[in-house]
Structures are given as C-alpha cells and as structure tokens.
Amino acid sequence: MTTETKAAPEAEADEPDSTADDLQIGARVRYARVLKGLRMRDLALRVNCTESMISKIEANRVVPSIAMLQKIIVALDRNMASFFGLELDTHKLVQRPEERVLVEGDALRGGHGVRYERLVPPAAGNLLEGNIHNIQPGGHKTDQIKHQGEAVGYLLEGEIELDIDGTTYRMSAGDSFFFKAHLKNGYRNVGTVTARLLWVNTPQVH
C-alpha cells in the first residue's frame, strides 16, 4: 500500500475549469515529471502534498493554485515560460553535448549504473522522448512499464545484452533495434567500457 505524504492545504487546489483544460496543466505536469525520472510520490515529497493530489492534478481532476503550481515547476527544475511552452525560440534546435540535461538513473524504472542525456528539450507536448543512455560496465535497466507506442535504438559504443519480452539479443556498436512499447524490456552492459545507447520512444500517456 502506498503511504501518502502530508496533505496539502485545501487552498492549494481548485476545481477544474475549461481554462485548465486548454492549458493542459495535468499533461504538462506529468510529462515534466516523467522526463525528470520522478514517481508521483517523489514529486509529492518535494512539494509537500499527497501523492493522490499529484495524481488528481495530472488527471485534470483538480487545478493547482498558482502557489502550488510554482512549487511543482520549481521541483521539476523548470520555469513558468518553459513549462507552458512559451520559450520555443530559446530551446536550441542544435544542442552541444555540454548543453544537454543529464539525469542520473530513473526512478520510474529498475536498474543502476545508467546516466541519461536528454535529447528532447524538456517541454510538455512533445511527441517523442529521446535519450543517450550511458551504461557503466555491469550497469543495467529493467522496464516493466507497458504502454502503447514504439521504441527504436542504436548502439553507439560498447556491448550490451538487450532483453525484449523474454528474448535476449547480444548487441555490438552499430546494431539497432525496434519494438512495440507494450513489450517488457531491459538491457545490461556486458562489456568492459561504458556503453552509449541512442534510444527514442513514444512517451507513456495515461
């Protein structure tokens, strides 16, 4: 059973309205949270509200107050303009390696020894997620999340074992893969150097 964190004050949320639907606040919160690699519980702890409140916000069942929304945006390392997609021109169409957002691990998926380089700008509404997975020797990832969509990848460097729905494939630099996102998947670095894996997929959507 999930243990909820301290409840937020009633003033932190309002009833949904058409304006909130137009702004897609719930979808934007969820996308930014997933991009950050956080569970609902993690975000709730950061903003001092309940996990169920985050769930309701993401489902557009309640609308966060301006104060609560600001807390959420700060917790997701964003600002109001980028959160609402108002800084499109400031998101560089070309990113240098040192400019990419780096995330250590992913709270939504099991595993360790994996560092993600975000290739898609952190803005809500994007139709694709793209990352370079930097996998340390012995590092691995297991993804039990099932959703509709697709995934494609290309191994830039190193050697890995890729598991797709119970079948294991040995991959070397230059090999690629494609599969439907409803299949369980995972990988392990079986080499002696850091493996770099380009991975693009359709984001999970509730």
N, C-alpha and C. Protein backbone atom coordinates (compact mmCIF):
# COMPACT_ATOMS: atom_id res chain seq x y z
N MET A 1 0.85 -1.20 0.00
CA MET A 1 0.00 0.00 0.00
C MET A 1 0.87 1.24 0.00
N THR A 2 0.52 2.23 -0.78
CA THR A 2 1.29 3.46 -0.84
C THR A 2 0.98 4.33 0.36
N THR A 3 2.01 4.80 1.02
CA THR A 3 1.83 5.72 2.15
C THR A 3 1.88 7.14 1.65
N GLU A 4 0.84 7.89 1.87
CA GLU A 4 0.79 9.24 1.35
C GLU A 4 1.55 10.19 2.26
N THR A 5 2.07 11.24 1.69
CA THR A 5 2.77 12.25 2.44
C THR A 5 1.77 13.21 3.06
N LYS A 6 2.25 14.17 3.80
CA LYS A 6 1.41 15.15 4.48
C LYS A 6 0.49 15.85 3.50
N ALA A 7 -0.77 15.95 3.88
CA ALA A 7 -1.76 16.54 2.98
C ALA A 7 -1.52 18.02 2.79
N ALA A 8 -1.79 18.48 1.56
CA ALA A 8 -1.64 19.89 1.25
C ALA A 8 -2.87 20.65 1.71
N PRO A 9 -2.75 21.93 2.02
CA PRO A 9 -3.90 22.74 2.41
C PRO A 9 -4.93 22.76 1.30
N GLU A 10 -6.20 22.95 1.69
CA GLU A 10 -7.27 22.98 0.71
C GLU A 10 -7.06 24.06 -0.34
N ALA A 11 -6.41 25.15 0.07
CA ALA A 11 -6.23 26.28 -0.85
C ALA A 11 -5.27 25.98 -1.97
N GLU A 12 -4.55 24.83 -1.86
CA GLU A 12 -3.54 24.51 -2.86
C GLU A 12 -4.15 24.00 -4.16
N ALA A 13 -5.46 23.73 -4.20
CA ALA A 13 -6.07 23.21 -5.41
C ALA A 13 -7.49 23.74 -5.56
N ASP A 14 -7.90 23.91 -6.80
CA ASP A 14 -9.23 24.37 -7.11
C ASP A 14 -9.92 23.34 -7.98
N GLU A 15 -11.21 23.54 -8.21
CA GLU A 15 -11.95 22.66 -9.10
C GLU A 15 -11.50 22.89 -10.54
N PRO A 16 -11.54 21.86 -11.39
CA PRO A 16 -11.12 22.03 -12.79
C PRO A 16 -12.04 22.97 -13.53
N ASP A 17 -11.49 23.65 -14.55
CA ASP A 17 -12.31 24.51 -15.39
C ASP A 17 -11.80 24.41 -16.82
N SER A 18 -12.50 25.05 -17.75
CA SER A 18 -12.13 24.93 -19.16
C SER A 18 -10.77 25.55 -19.45
N THR A 19 -10.41 26.59 -18.71
CA THR A 19 -9.11 27.23 -18.92
C THR A 19 -7.98 26.24 -18.64
N ALA A 20 -8.13 25.47 -17.55
CA ALA A 20 -7.11 24.48 -17.20
C ALA A 20 -7.00 23.43 -18.29
N ASP A 21 -8.15 23.02 -18.84
CA ASP A 21 -8.12 22.04 -19.93
C ASP A 21 -7.37 22.60 -21.12
N ASP A 22 -7.60 23.86 -21.45
CA ASP A 22 -6.92 24.48 -22.58
C ASP A 22 -5.42 24.54 -22.36
N LEU A 23 -5.01 24.79 -21.12
CA LEU A 23 -3.59 24.90 -20.81
C LEU A 23 -2.93 23.53 -20.66
N GLN A 24 -3.73 22.48 -20.50
CA GLN A 24 -3.21 21.10 -20.34
C GLN A 24 -2.23 21.00 -19.18
N ILE A 25 -2.62 21.60 -18.06
CA ILE A 25 -1.73 21.62 -16.90
C ILE A 25 -1.38 20.20 -16.45
N GLY A 26 -2.40 19.35 -16.35
CA GLY A 26 -2.14 17.99 -15.89
C GLY A 26 -1.16 17.24 -16.77
N ALA A 27 -1.37 17.31 -18.08
CA ALA A 27 -0.48 16.62 -19.01
C ALA A 27 0.93 17.19 -18.95
N ARG A 28 1.03 18.51 -18.78
CA ARG A 28 2.35 19.14 -18.71
C ARG A 28 3.10 18.73 -17.44
N VAL A 29 2.37 18.65 -16.32
CA VAL A 29 3.00 18.22 -15.07
C VAL A 29 3.50 16.79 -15.20
N ARG A 30 2.64 15.92 -15.75
CA ARG A 30 3.02 14.52 -15.87
C ARG A 30 4.22 14.34 -16.80
N TYR A 31 4.20 15.02 -17.92
CA TYR A 31 5.30 14.88 -18.88
C TYR A 31 6.61 15.35 -18.26
N ALA A 32 6.57 16.52 -17.59
CA ALA A 32 7.79 17.05 -16.98
C ALA A 32 8.29 16.13 -15.87
N ARG A 33 7.35 15.52 -15.13
CA ARG A 33 7.75 14.60 -14.06
C ARG A 33 8.43 13.36 -14.63
N VAL A 34 7.82 12.76 -15.66
CA VAL A 34 8.40 11.56 -16.28
C VAL A 34 9.76 11.88 -16.90
N LEU A 35 9.85 13.04 -17.55
CA LEU A 35 11.11 13.45 -18.16
C LEU A 35 12.20 13.59 -17.10
N LYS A 36 11.80 14.02 -15.91
CA LYS A 36 12.74 14.19 -14.80
C LYS A 36 13.08 12.86 -14.14
N GLY A 37 12.30 11.80 -14.46
CA GLY A 37 12.55 10.50 -13.87
C GLY A 37 12.04 10.35 -12.46
N LEU A 38 10.94 11.05 -12.14
CA LEU A 38 10.37 11.02 -10.80
C LEU A 38 9.06 10.25 -10.77
N ARG A 39 8.80 9.58 -9.65
CA ARG A 39 7.49 9.00 -9.39
C ARG A 39 6.59 10.07 -8.81
N MET A 40 5.28 9.82 -8.83
CA MET A 40 4.35 10.77 -8.21
C MET A 40 4.72 10.99 -6.75
N ARG A 41 5.09 9.92 -6.06
CA ARG A 41 5.45 10.03 -4.65
C ARG A 41 6.65 10.94 -4.46
N ASP A 42 7.63 10.85 -5.36
CA ASP A 42 8.82 11.70 -5.26
C ASP A 42 8.45 13.18 -5.39
N LEU A 43 7.61 13.48 -6.38
CA LEU A 43 7.20 14.87 -6.58
C LEU A 43 6.38 15.37 -5.41
N ALA A 44 5.49 14.51 -4.89
CA ALA A 44 4.68 14.90 -3.74
C ALA A 44 5.55 15.27 -2.55
N LEU A 45 6.61 14.51 -2.32
CA LEU A 45 7.53 14.81 -1.21
C LEU A 45 8.22 16.15 -1.41
N ARG A 46 8.56 16.44 -2.66
CA ARG A 46 9.27 17.69 -2.95
C ARG A 46 8.40 18.92 -2.73
N VAL A 47 7.10 18.78 -2.98
CA VAL A 47 6.22 19.95 -2.87
C VAL A 47 5.33 19.90 -1.63
N ASN A 48 5.53 18.86 -0.77
CA ASN A 48 4.81 18.74 0.49
C ASN A 48 3.30 18.63 0.30
N CYS A 49 2.90 17.69 -0.57
CA CYS A 49 1.47 17.39 -0.71
C CYS A 49 1.32 15.88 -0.80
N THR A 50 0.10 15.40 -0.97
CA THR A 50 -0.11 13.96 -1.04
C THR A 50 0.13 13.44 -2.45
N GLU A 51 0.46 12.15 -2.53
CA GLU A 51 0.62 11.52 -3.82
C GLU A 51 -0.70 11.55 -4.60
N SER A 52 -1.83 11.39 -3.87
CA SER A 52 -3.13 11.42 -4.54
C SER A 52 -3.42 12.79 -5.13
N MET A 53 -2.90 13.85 -4.50
CA MET A 53 -3.10 15.20 -5.05
C MET A 53 -2.37 15.34 -6.39
N ILE A 54 -1.14 14.82 -6.46
CA ILE A 54 -0.41 14.87 -7.72
C ILE A 54 -1.16 14.08 -8.79
N SER A 55 -1.69 12.92 -8.39
CA SER A 55 -2.45 12.10 -9.33
C SER A 55 -3.66 12.85 -9.87
N LYS A 56 -4.37 13.55 -8.98
CA LYS A 56 -5.57 14.30 -9.39
C LYS A 56 -5.20 15.47 -10.30
N ILE A 57 -4.08 16.12 -9.99
CA ILE A 57 -3.63 17.23 -10.84
C ILE A 57 -3.30 16.73 -12.24
N GLU A 58 -2.56 15.62 -12.31
CA GLU A 58 -2.17 15.08 -13.61
C GLU A 58 -3.36 14.58 -14.41
N ALA A 59 -4.42 14.16 -13.71
CA ALA A 59 -5.62 13.68 -14.38
C ALA A 59 -6.60 14.81 -14.68
N ASN A 60 -6.21 16.06 -14.35
CA ASN A 60 -7.06 17.23 -14.54
C ASN A 60 -8.35 17.17 -13.73
N ARG A 61 -8.29 16.44 -12.60
CA ARG A 61 -9.46 16.40 -11.71
C ARG A 61 -9.47 17.58 -10.76
N VAL A 62 -8.29 18.13 -10.49
CA VAL A 62 -8.18 19.37 -9.73
C VAL A 62 -7.14 20.26 -10.41
N VAL A 63 -7.25 21.54 -10.17
CA VAL A 63 -6.31 22.51 -10.73
C VAL A 63 -5.48 23.08 -9.59
N PRO A 64 -4.16 23.00 -9.66
CA PRO A 64 -3.33 23.55 -8.58
C PRO A 64 -3.42 25.07 -8.54
N SER A 65 -3.34 25.61 -7.34
CA SER A 65 -3.27 27.06 -7.21
C SER A 65 -1.97 27.55 -7.84
N ILE A 66 -1.87 28.85 -8.06
CA ILE A 66 -0.64 29.41 -8.63
C ILE A 66 0.56 29.09 -7.73
N ALA A 67 0.34 29.18 -6.41
CA ALA A 67 1.43 28.91 -5.47
C ALA A 67 1.88 27.45 -5.58
N MET A 68 0.91 26.52 -5.63
CA MET A 68 1.25 25.10 -5.74
C MET A 68 1.90 24.79 -7.08
N LEU A 69 1.37 25.39 -8.15
CA LEU A 69 1.94 25.17 -9.47
C LEU A 69 3.38 25.64 -9.51
N GLN A 70 3.65 26.76 -8.87
CA GLN A 70 5.02 27.27 -8.84
C GLN A 70 5.94 26.30 -8.10
N LYS A 71 5.45 25.72 -7.00
CA LYS A 71 6.24 24.74 -6.25
C LYS A 71 6.56 23.53 -7.14
N ILE A 72 5.55 23.07 -7.86
CA ILE A 72 5.73 21.90 -8.73
C ILE A 72 6.75 22.20 -9.82
N ILE A 73 6.61 23.37 -10.44
CA ILE A 73 7.51 23.72 -11.53
C ILE A 73 8.95 23.83 -11.04
N VAL A 74 9.14 24.43 -9.88
CA VAL A 74 10.49 24.55 -9.30
C VAL A 74 11.04 23.16 -8.98
N ALA A 75 10.19 22.29 -8.42
CA ALA A 75 10.62 20.93 -8.08
C ALA A 75 11.04 20.14 -9.31
N LEU A 76 10.49 20.51 -10.46
CA LEU A 76 10.82 19.83 -11.71
C LEU A 76 11.95 20.53 -12.47
N ASP A 77 12.58 21.51 -11.81
CA ASP A 77 13.70 22.26 -12.41
C ASP A 77 13.29 22.97 -13.69
N ARG A 78 12.11 23.57 -13.66
CA ARG A 78 11.59 24.30 -14.81
C ARG A 78 11.23 25.71 -14.39
N ASN A 79 10.76 26.52 -15.34
CA ASN A 79 10.18 27.81 -15.02
C ASN A 79 8.86 27.93 -15.76
N MET A 80 8.07 28.95 -15.41
CA MET A 80 6.72 29.07 -15.96
C MET A 80 6.72 29.12 -17.49
N ALA A 81 7.64 29.88 -18.05
CA ALA A 81 7.65 30.07 -19.50
C ALA A 81 7.93 28.76 -20.23
N SER A 82 8.96 28.03 -19.79
CA SER A 82 9.28 26.77 -20.47
C SER A 82 8.22 25.71 -20.19
N PHE A 83 7.63 25.74 -18.98
CA PHE A 83 6.60 24.77 -18.63
C PHE A 83 5.40 24.86 -19.56
N PHE A 84 5.02 26.08 -19.91
CA PHE A 84 3.88 26.27 -20.79
C PHE A 84 4.27 26.40 -22.26
N GLY A 85 5.53 26.09 -22.56
CA GLY A 85 5.95 26.08 -23.95
C GLY A 85 6.03 27.45 -24.57
N LEU A 86 6.31 28.48 -23.74
CA LEU A 86 6.35 29.84 -24.25
C LEU A 86 7.75 30.28 -24.66
N GLU A 87 8.72 29.39 -24.48
CA GLU A 87 10.10 29.74 -24.81
C GLU A 87 10.63 28.87 -25.94
N LEU A 88 9.79 28.60 -26.92
CA LEU A 88 10.19 27.71 -28.00
C LEU A 88 11.47 28.18 -28.68
N ASP A 89 11.59 29.49 -28.88
CA ASP A 89 12.76 30.00 -29.58
C ASP A 89 14.03 29.85 -28.76
N THR A 90 13.89 29.74 -27.42
CA THR A 90 15.08 29.62 -26.59
C THR A 90 15.55 28.17 -26.48
N HIS A 91 14.71 27.21 -26.89
CA HIS A 91 15.15 25.81 -26.92
C HIS A 91 15.96 25.62 -28.20
N LYS A 92 17.23 25.44 -28.04
CA LYS A 92 18.10 25.36 -29.20
C LYS A 92 17.75 24.16 -30.08
N LEU A 93 17.67 24.41 -31.36
CA LEU A 93 17.41 23.33 -32.29
C LEU A 93 18.61 22.39 -32.36
N VAL A 94 19.78 22.94 -32.10
CA VAL A 94 21.01 22.13 -32.06
C VAL A 94 21.61 22.27 -30.66
N GLN A 95 21.84 21.14 -29.98
CA GLN A 95 22.42 21.15 -28.64
C GLN A 95 23.83 20.56 -28.67
N ARG A 96 24.76 21.25 -28.03
CA ARG A 96 26.11 20.71 -27.86
C ARG A 96 26.07 19.70 -26.71
N PRO A 97 26.99 18.75 -26.70
CA PRO A 97 26.99 17.74 -25.63
C PRO A 97 26.94 18.33 -24.23
N GLU A 98 27.67 19.41 -24.01
CA GLU A 98 27.70 20.00 -22.67
C GLU A 98 26.41 20.75 -22.32
N GLU A 99 25.54 20.97 -23.31
CA GLU A 99 24.29 21.69 -23.07
C GLU A 99 23.12 20.77 -22.73
N ARG A 100 23.28 19.47 -22.93
CA ARG A 100 22.17 18.55 -22.71
C ARG A 100 21.91 18.34 -21.21
N VAL A 101 20.64 18.16 -20.87
CA VAL A 101 20.25 17.84 -19.50
C VAL A 101 20.71 16.42 -19.18
N LEU A 102 21.35 16.23 -18.02
CA LEU A 102 21.84 14.92 -17.60
C LEU A 102 21.04 14.45 -16.39
N VAL A 103 20.61 13.20 -16.42
CA VAL A 103 19.83 12.63 -15.32
C VAL A 103 20.49 11.33 -14.87
N GLU A 104 20.77 11.24 -13.57
CA GLU A 104 21.36 10.02 -13.01
C GLU A 104 20.25 9.06 -12.62
N GLY A 105 20.13 7.95 -13.34
CA GLY A 105 19.12 6.96 -13.01
C GLY A 105 17.72 7.40 -13.38
N ASP A 106 16.76 6.52 -13.16
CA ASP A 106 15.37 6.79 -13.48
C ASP A 106 14.51 6.11 -12.43
N ALA A 107 13.82 6.93 -11.61
CA ALA A 107 13.02 6.38 -10.51
C ALA A 107 11.83 5.58 -11.00
N LEU A 108 11.46 5.74 -12.28
CA LEU A 108 10.31 5.02 -12.81
C LEU A 108 10.68 3.61 -13.26
N ARG A 109 11.96 3.33 -13.37
CA ARG A 109 12.41 2.04 -13.89
C ARG A 109 13.49 1.46 -12.99
N GLY A 110 13.59 0.13 -12.96
CA GLY A 110 14.59 -0.50 -12.14
C GLY A 110 15.96 -0.49 -12.81
N GLY A 111 17.00 -0.66 -12.01
CA GLY A 111 18.34 -0.73 -12.57
C GLY A 111 19.30 0.20 -11.86
N HIS A 112 20.56 0.16 -12.31
CA HIS A 112 21.56 1.07 -11.76
C HIS A 112 22.68 1.23 -12.78
N GLY A 113 23.52 2.24 -12.56
CA GLY A 113 24.67 2.45 -13.43
C GLY A 113 24.32 3.02 -14.79
N VAL A 114 23.19 3.74 -14.87
CA VAL A 114 22.77 4.32 -16.15
C VAL A 114 22.59 5.83 -15.98
N ARG A 115 23.19 6.59 -16.89
CA ARG A 115 23.05 8.05 -16.91
C ARG A 115 22.42 8.45 -18.24
N TYR A 116 21.40 9.31 -18.18
CA TYR A 116 20.64 9.69 -19.37
C TYR A 116 21.00 11.09 -19.84
N GLU A 117 21.28 11.23 -21.13
CA GLU A 117 21.43 12.54 -21.75
C GLU A 117 20.14 12.83 -22.51
N ARG A 118 19.42 13.88 -22.10
CA ARG A 118 18.14 14.20 -22.72
C ARG A 118 18.38 14.89 -24.07
N LEU A 119 17.85 14.30 -25.13
CA LEU A 119 17.99 14.88 -26.47
C LEU A 119 16.80 15.76 -26.84
N VAL A 120 15.64 15.50 -26.22
CA VAL A 120 14.43 16.28 -26.50
C VAL A 120 14.31 17.37 -25.45
N PRO A 121 14.12 18.63 -25.85
CA PRO A 121 14.00 19.73 -24.88
C PRO A 121 12.92 19.43 -23.86
N PRO A 122 13.15 19.79 -22.59
CA PRO A 122 12.18 19.50 -21.53
C PRO A 122 10.97 20.41 -21.59
N ALA A 123 10.09 20.19 -22.56
CA ALA A 123 8.86 20.96 -22.68
C ALA A 123 7.70 20.00 -22.90
N ALA A 124 6.55 20.32 -22.29
CA ALA A 124 5.40 19.44 -22.43
C ALA A 124 4.87 19.46 -23.85
N GLY A 125 4.23 18.36 -24.24
CA GLY A 125 3.58 18.30 -25.54
C GLY A 125 4.41 17.68 -26.64
N ASN A 126 5.68 17.36 -26.37
CA ASN A 126 6.50 16.72 -27.40
C ASN A 126 5.99 15.30 -27.66
N LEU A 127 6.07 14.87 -28.89
CA LEU A 127 5.54 13.57 -29.27
C LEU A 127 6.56 12.45 -29.12
N LEU A 128 7.82 12.79 -28.87
CA LEU A 128 8.87 11.79 -28.73
C LEU A 128 9.72 12.07 -27.49
N GLU A 129 10.28 11.01 -26.92
CA GLU A 129 11.33 11.11 -25.92
C GLU A 129 12.59 10.55 -26.55
N GLY A 130 13.70 11.24 -26.38
CA GLY A 130 14.96 10.75 -26.93
C GLY A 130 16.08 10.94 -25.93
N ASN A 131 16.87 9.90 -25.72
CA ASN A 131 17.97 9.96 -24.77
C ASN A 131 19.17 9.18 -25.28
N ILE A 132 20.34 9.54 -24.79
CA ILE A 132 21.50 8.68 -24.93
C ILE A 132 21.73 8.05 -23.56
N HIS A 133 21.66 6.73 -23.49
CA HIS A 133 21.87 6.01 -22.25
C HIS A 133 23.36 5.69 -22.13
N ASN A 134 23.99 6.21 -21.09
CA ASN A 134 25.39 5.90 -20.80
C ASN A 134 25.40 4.82 -19.72
N ILE A 135 25.78 3.62 -20.10
CA ILE A 135 25.63 2.45 -19.23
C ILE A 135 27.00 1.98 -18.77
N GLN A 136 27.27 2.06 -17.49
CA GLN A 136 28.55 1.63 -16.95
C GLN A 136 28.69 0.11 -17.08
N PRO A 137 29.92 -0.41 -17.11
CA PRO A 137 30.10 -1.87 -17.14
C PRO A 137 29.33 -2.51 -15.99
N GLY A 138 28.51 -3.48 -16.31
CA GLY A 138 27.66 -4.12 -15.29
C GLY A 138 26.36 -3.38 -15.03
N GLY A 139 26.25 -2.17 -15.55
CA GLY A 139 25.02 -1.40 -15.36
C GLY A 139 23.86 -2.02 -16.12
N HIS A 140 22.65 -1.81 -15.62
CA HIS A 140 21.50 -2.41 -16.28
C HIS A 140 20.25 -1.59 -16.03
N LYS A 141 19.24 -1.83 -16.86
CA LYS A 141 17.92 -1.20 -16.73
C LYS A 141 16.85 -2.24 -17.00
N THR A 142 15.79 -2.22 -16.20
CA THR A 142 14.64 -3.10 -16.41
C THR A 142 13.39 -2.23 -16.46
N ASP A 143 12.63 -2.34 -17.53
CA ASP A 143 11.45 -1.51 -17.72
C ASP A 143 10.20 -2.39 -17.73
N GLN A 144 9.43 -2.32 -16.64
CA GLN A 144 8.20 -3.10 -16.54
C GLN A 144 6.98 -2.29 -16.99
N ILE A 145 7.20 -1.01 -17.37
CA ILE A 145 6.10 -0.16 -17.77
C ILE A 145 5.62 -0.55 -19.16
N LYS A 146 4.33 -0.81 -19.28
CA LYS A 146 3.74 -1.17 -20.57
C LYS A 146 2.84 -0.03 -21.04
N HIS A 147 2.95 0.35 -22.28
CA HIS A 147 2.07 1.37 -22.84
C HIS A 147 2.08 1.25 -24.36
N GLN A 148 1.17 1.94 -24.99
CA GLN A 148 1.11 1.91 -26.44
C GLN A 148 2.18 2.84 -27.02
N GLY A 149 2.77 2.42 -28.12
CA GLY A 149 3.80 3.23 -28.75
C GLY A 149 4.90 2.34 -29.29
N GLU A 150 6.03 2.95 -29.59
CA GLU A 150 7.14 2.24 -30.20
C GLU A 150 8.46 2.75 -29.63
N ALA A 151 9.50 1.93 -29.78
CA ALA A 151 10.85 2.31 -29.35
C ALA A 151 11.85 1.87 -30.41
N VAL A 152 12.83 2.72 -30.66
CA VAL A 152 13.90 2.40 -31.60
C VAL A 152 15.22 2.82 -30.98
N GLY A 153 16.25 2.04 -31.22
CA GLY A 153 17.54 2.35 -30.62
C GLY A 153 18.71 1.98 -31.51
N TYR A 154 19.86 2.58 -31.20
CA TYR A 154 21.09 2.34 -31.98
C TYR A 154 22.25 2.37 -30.99
N LEU A 155 23.02 1.29 -30.95
CA LEU A 155 24.14 1.22 -30.02
C LEU A 155 25.34 1.95 -30.61
N LEU A 156 25.70 3.06 -29.99
CA LEU A 156 26.79 3.90 -30.47
C LEU A 156 28.16 3.32 -30.11
N GLU A 157 28.27 2.83 -28.87
CA GLU A 157 29.55 2.31 -28.39
C GLU A 157 29.29 1.17 -27.42
N GLY A 158 30.24 0.23 -27.35
CA GLY A 158 30.20 -0.82 -26.35
C GLY A 158 29.42 -2.04 -26.76
N GLU A 159 29.11 -2.88 -25.75
CA GLU A 159 28.37 -4.12 -25.96
C GLU A 159 27.31 -4.26 -24.88
N ILE A 160 26.12 -4.65 -25.27
CA ILE A 160 25.05 -4.87 -24.30
C ILE A 160 24.28 -6.14 -24.65
N GLU A 161 23.55 -6.65 -23.67
CA GLU A 161 22.55 -7.67 -23.90
C GLU A 161 21.20 -7.00 -23.74
N LEU A 162 20.40 -7.03 -24.79
CA LEU A 162 19.07 -6.43 -24.79
C LEU A 162 18.02 -7.51 -24.65
N ASP A 163 17.14 -7.36 -23.68
CA ASP A 163 16.07 -8.33 -23.48
C ASP A 163 14.74 -7.70 -23.91
N ILE A 164 14.05 -8.33 -24.84
CA ILE A 164 12.75 -7.87 -25.30
C ILE A 164 11.75 -9.00 -25.11
N ASP A 165 10.86 -8.80 -24.16
CA ASP A 165 9.79 -9.77 -23.89
C ASP A 165 10.32 -11.18 -23.66
N GLY A 166 11.43 -11.27 -22.91
CA GLY A 166 11.97 -12.58 -22.53
C GLY A 166 13.02 -13.15 -23.46
N THR A 167 13.27 -12.51 -24.60
CA THR A 167 14.30 -12.97 -25.53
C THR A 167 15.51 -12.04 -25.45
N THR A 168 16.71 -12.60 -25.32
CA THR A 168 17.93 -11.82 -25.15
C THR A 168 18.70 -11.74 -26.46
N TYR A 169 19.15 -10.53 -26.78
CA TYR A 169 19.91 -10.28 -28.01
C TYR A 169 21.24 -9.63 -27.62
N ARG A 170 22.33 -10.16 -28.14
CA ARG A 170 23.66 -9.57 -27.92
C ARG A 170 23.87 -8.49 -28.97
N MET A 171 24.20 -7.27 -28.53
CA MET A 171 24.38 -6.15 -29.44
C MET A 171 25.77 -5.56 -29.31
N SER A 172 26.34 -5.20 -30.46
CA SER A 172 27.62 -4.50 -30.53
C SER A 172 27.41 -3.16 -31.20
N ALA A 173 28.41 -2.28 -31.10
CA ALA A 173 28.30 -0.95 -31.70
C ALA A 173 27.89 -1.06 -33.16
N GLY A 174 26.89 -0.28 -33.55
CA GLY A 174 26.39 -0.31 -34.91
C GLY A 174 25.08 -1.07 -35.07
N ASP A 175 24.74 -1.90 -34.06
CA ASP A 175 23.49 -2.65 -34.11
C ASP A 175 22.32 -1.75 -33.68
N SER A 176 21.13 -2.05 -34.18
CA SER A 176 19.94 -1.26 -33.85
C SER A 176 18.79 -2.19 -33.48
N PHE A 177 17.72 -1.62 -32.92
CA PHE A 177 16.53 -2.41 -32.57
C PHE A 177 15.28 -1.56 -32.76
N PHE A 178 14.15 -2.25 -32.82
CA PHE A 178 12.84 -1.62 -32.88
C PHE A 178 11.83 -2.58 -32.27
N PHE A 179 10.95 -2.08 -31.39
CA PHE A 179 9.91 -2.94 -30.84
C PHE A 179 8.73 -2.09 -30.37
N LYS A 180 7.61 -2.75 -30.15
CA LYS A 180 6.41 -2.09 -29.65
C LYS A 180 6.54 -1.90 -28.13
N ALA A 181 6.10 -0.73 -27.64
CA ALA A 181 6.36 -0.35 -26.25
C ALA A 181 5.56 -1.15 -25.23
N HIS A 182 4.61 -1.98 -25.67
CA HIS A 182 3.87 -2.78 -24.69
C HIS A 182 4.66 -4.02 -24.27
N LEU A 183 5.80 -4.26 -24.89
CA LEU A 183 6.64 -5.41 -24.54
C LEU A 183 7.60 -5.04 -23.40
N LYS A 184 7.75 -5.94 -22.44
CA LYS A 184 8.73 -5.72 -21.37
C LYS A 184 10.12 -5.71 -21.98
N ASN A 185 10.99 -4.90 -21.42
CA ASN A 185 12.33 -4.81 -22.00
C ASN A 185 13.35 -4.41 -20.95
N GLY A 186 14.59 -4.64 -21.26
CA GLY A 186 15.68 -4.26 -20.37
C GLY A 186 17.00 -4.51 -21.07
N TYR A 187 18.08 -4.10 -20.43
CA TYR A 187 19.40 -4.34 -21.01
C TYR A 187 20.46 -4.39 -19.92
N ARG A 188 21.63 -4.90 -20.28
CA ARG A 188 22.77 -4.96 -19.37
C ARG A 188 24.05 -4.75 -20.17
N ASN A 189 24.96 -3.96 -19.62
CA ASN A 189 26.26 -3.76 -20.24
C ASN A 189 27.14 -4.96 -19.90
N VAL A 190 27.46 -5.74 -20.90
CA VAL A 190 28.27 -6.95 -20.69
C VAL A 190 29.72 -6.73 -21.11
N GLY A 191 30.06 -5.49 -21.46
CA GLY A 191 31.42 -5.18 -21.88
C GLY A 191 32.25 -4.62 -20.75
N THR A 192 33.44 -4.13 -21.10
CA THR A 192 34.38 -3.60 -20.10
C THR A 192 34.47 -2.08 -20.14
N VAL A 193 33.74 -1.44 -21.06
CA VAL A 193 33.74 0.01 -21.16
C VAL A 193 32.30 0.51 -21.12
N THR A 194 32.14 1.79 -20.87
CA THR A 194 30.80 2.38 -20.86
C THR A 194 30.15 2.26 -22.23
N ALA A 195 28.95 1.74 -22.25
CA ALA A 195 28.19 1.62 -23.50
C ALA A 195 27.33 2.88 -23.66
N ARG A 196 27.18 3.34 -24.92
CA ARG A 196 26.35 4.52 -25.20
C ARG A 196 25.27 4.09 -26.19
N LEU A 197 24.01 4.22 -25.74
CA LEU A 197 22.87 3.72 -26.50
C LEU A 197 21.91 4.86 -26.81
N LEU A 198 21.70 5.13 -28.08
CA LEU A 198 20.70 6.12 -28.51
C LEU A 198 19.34 5.45 -28.47
N TRP A 199 18.40 6.03 -27.72
CA TRP A 199 17.08 5.42 -27.51
C TRP A 199 16.01 6.48 -27.73
N VAL A 200 15.08 6.21 -28.64
CA VAL A 200 13.96 7.12 -28.91
C VAL A 200 12.67 6.32 -28.78
N ASN A 201 11.70 6.89 -28.09
CA ASN A 201 10.43 6.18 -27.91
C ASN A 201 9.26 7.14 -27.80
N THR A 202 8.07 6.58 -27.94
CA THR A 202 6.85 7.33 -27.72
C THR A 202 6.63 7.45 -26.21
N PRO A 203 6.39 8.65 -25.69
CA PRO A 203 6.17 8.79 -24.24
C PRO A 203 4.96 8.00 -23.78
N GLN A 204 5.02 7.53 -22.54
CA GLN A 204 3.86 6.87 -21.95
C GLN A 204 2.80 7.92 -21.66
N VAL A 205 1.56 7.60 -21.96
CA VAL A 205 0.46 8.52 -21.71
C VAL A 205 -0.65 7.77 -21.01
N HIS A 206 -1.15 8.33 -19.88
CA HIS A 206 -2.29 7.71 -19.20
C HIS A 206 -3.57 8.13 -19.90
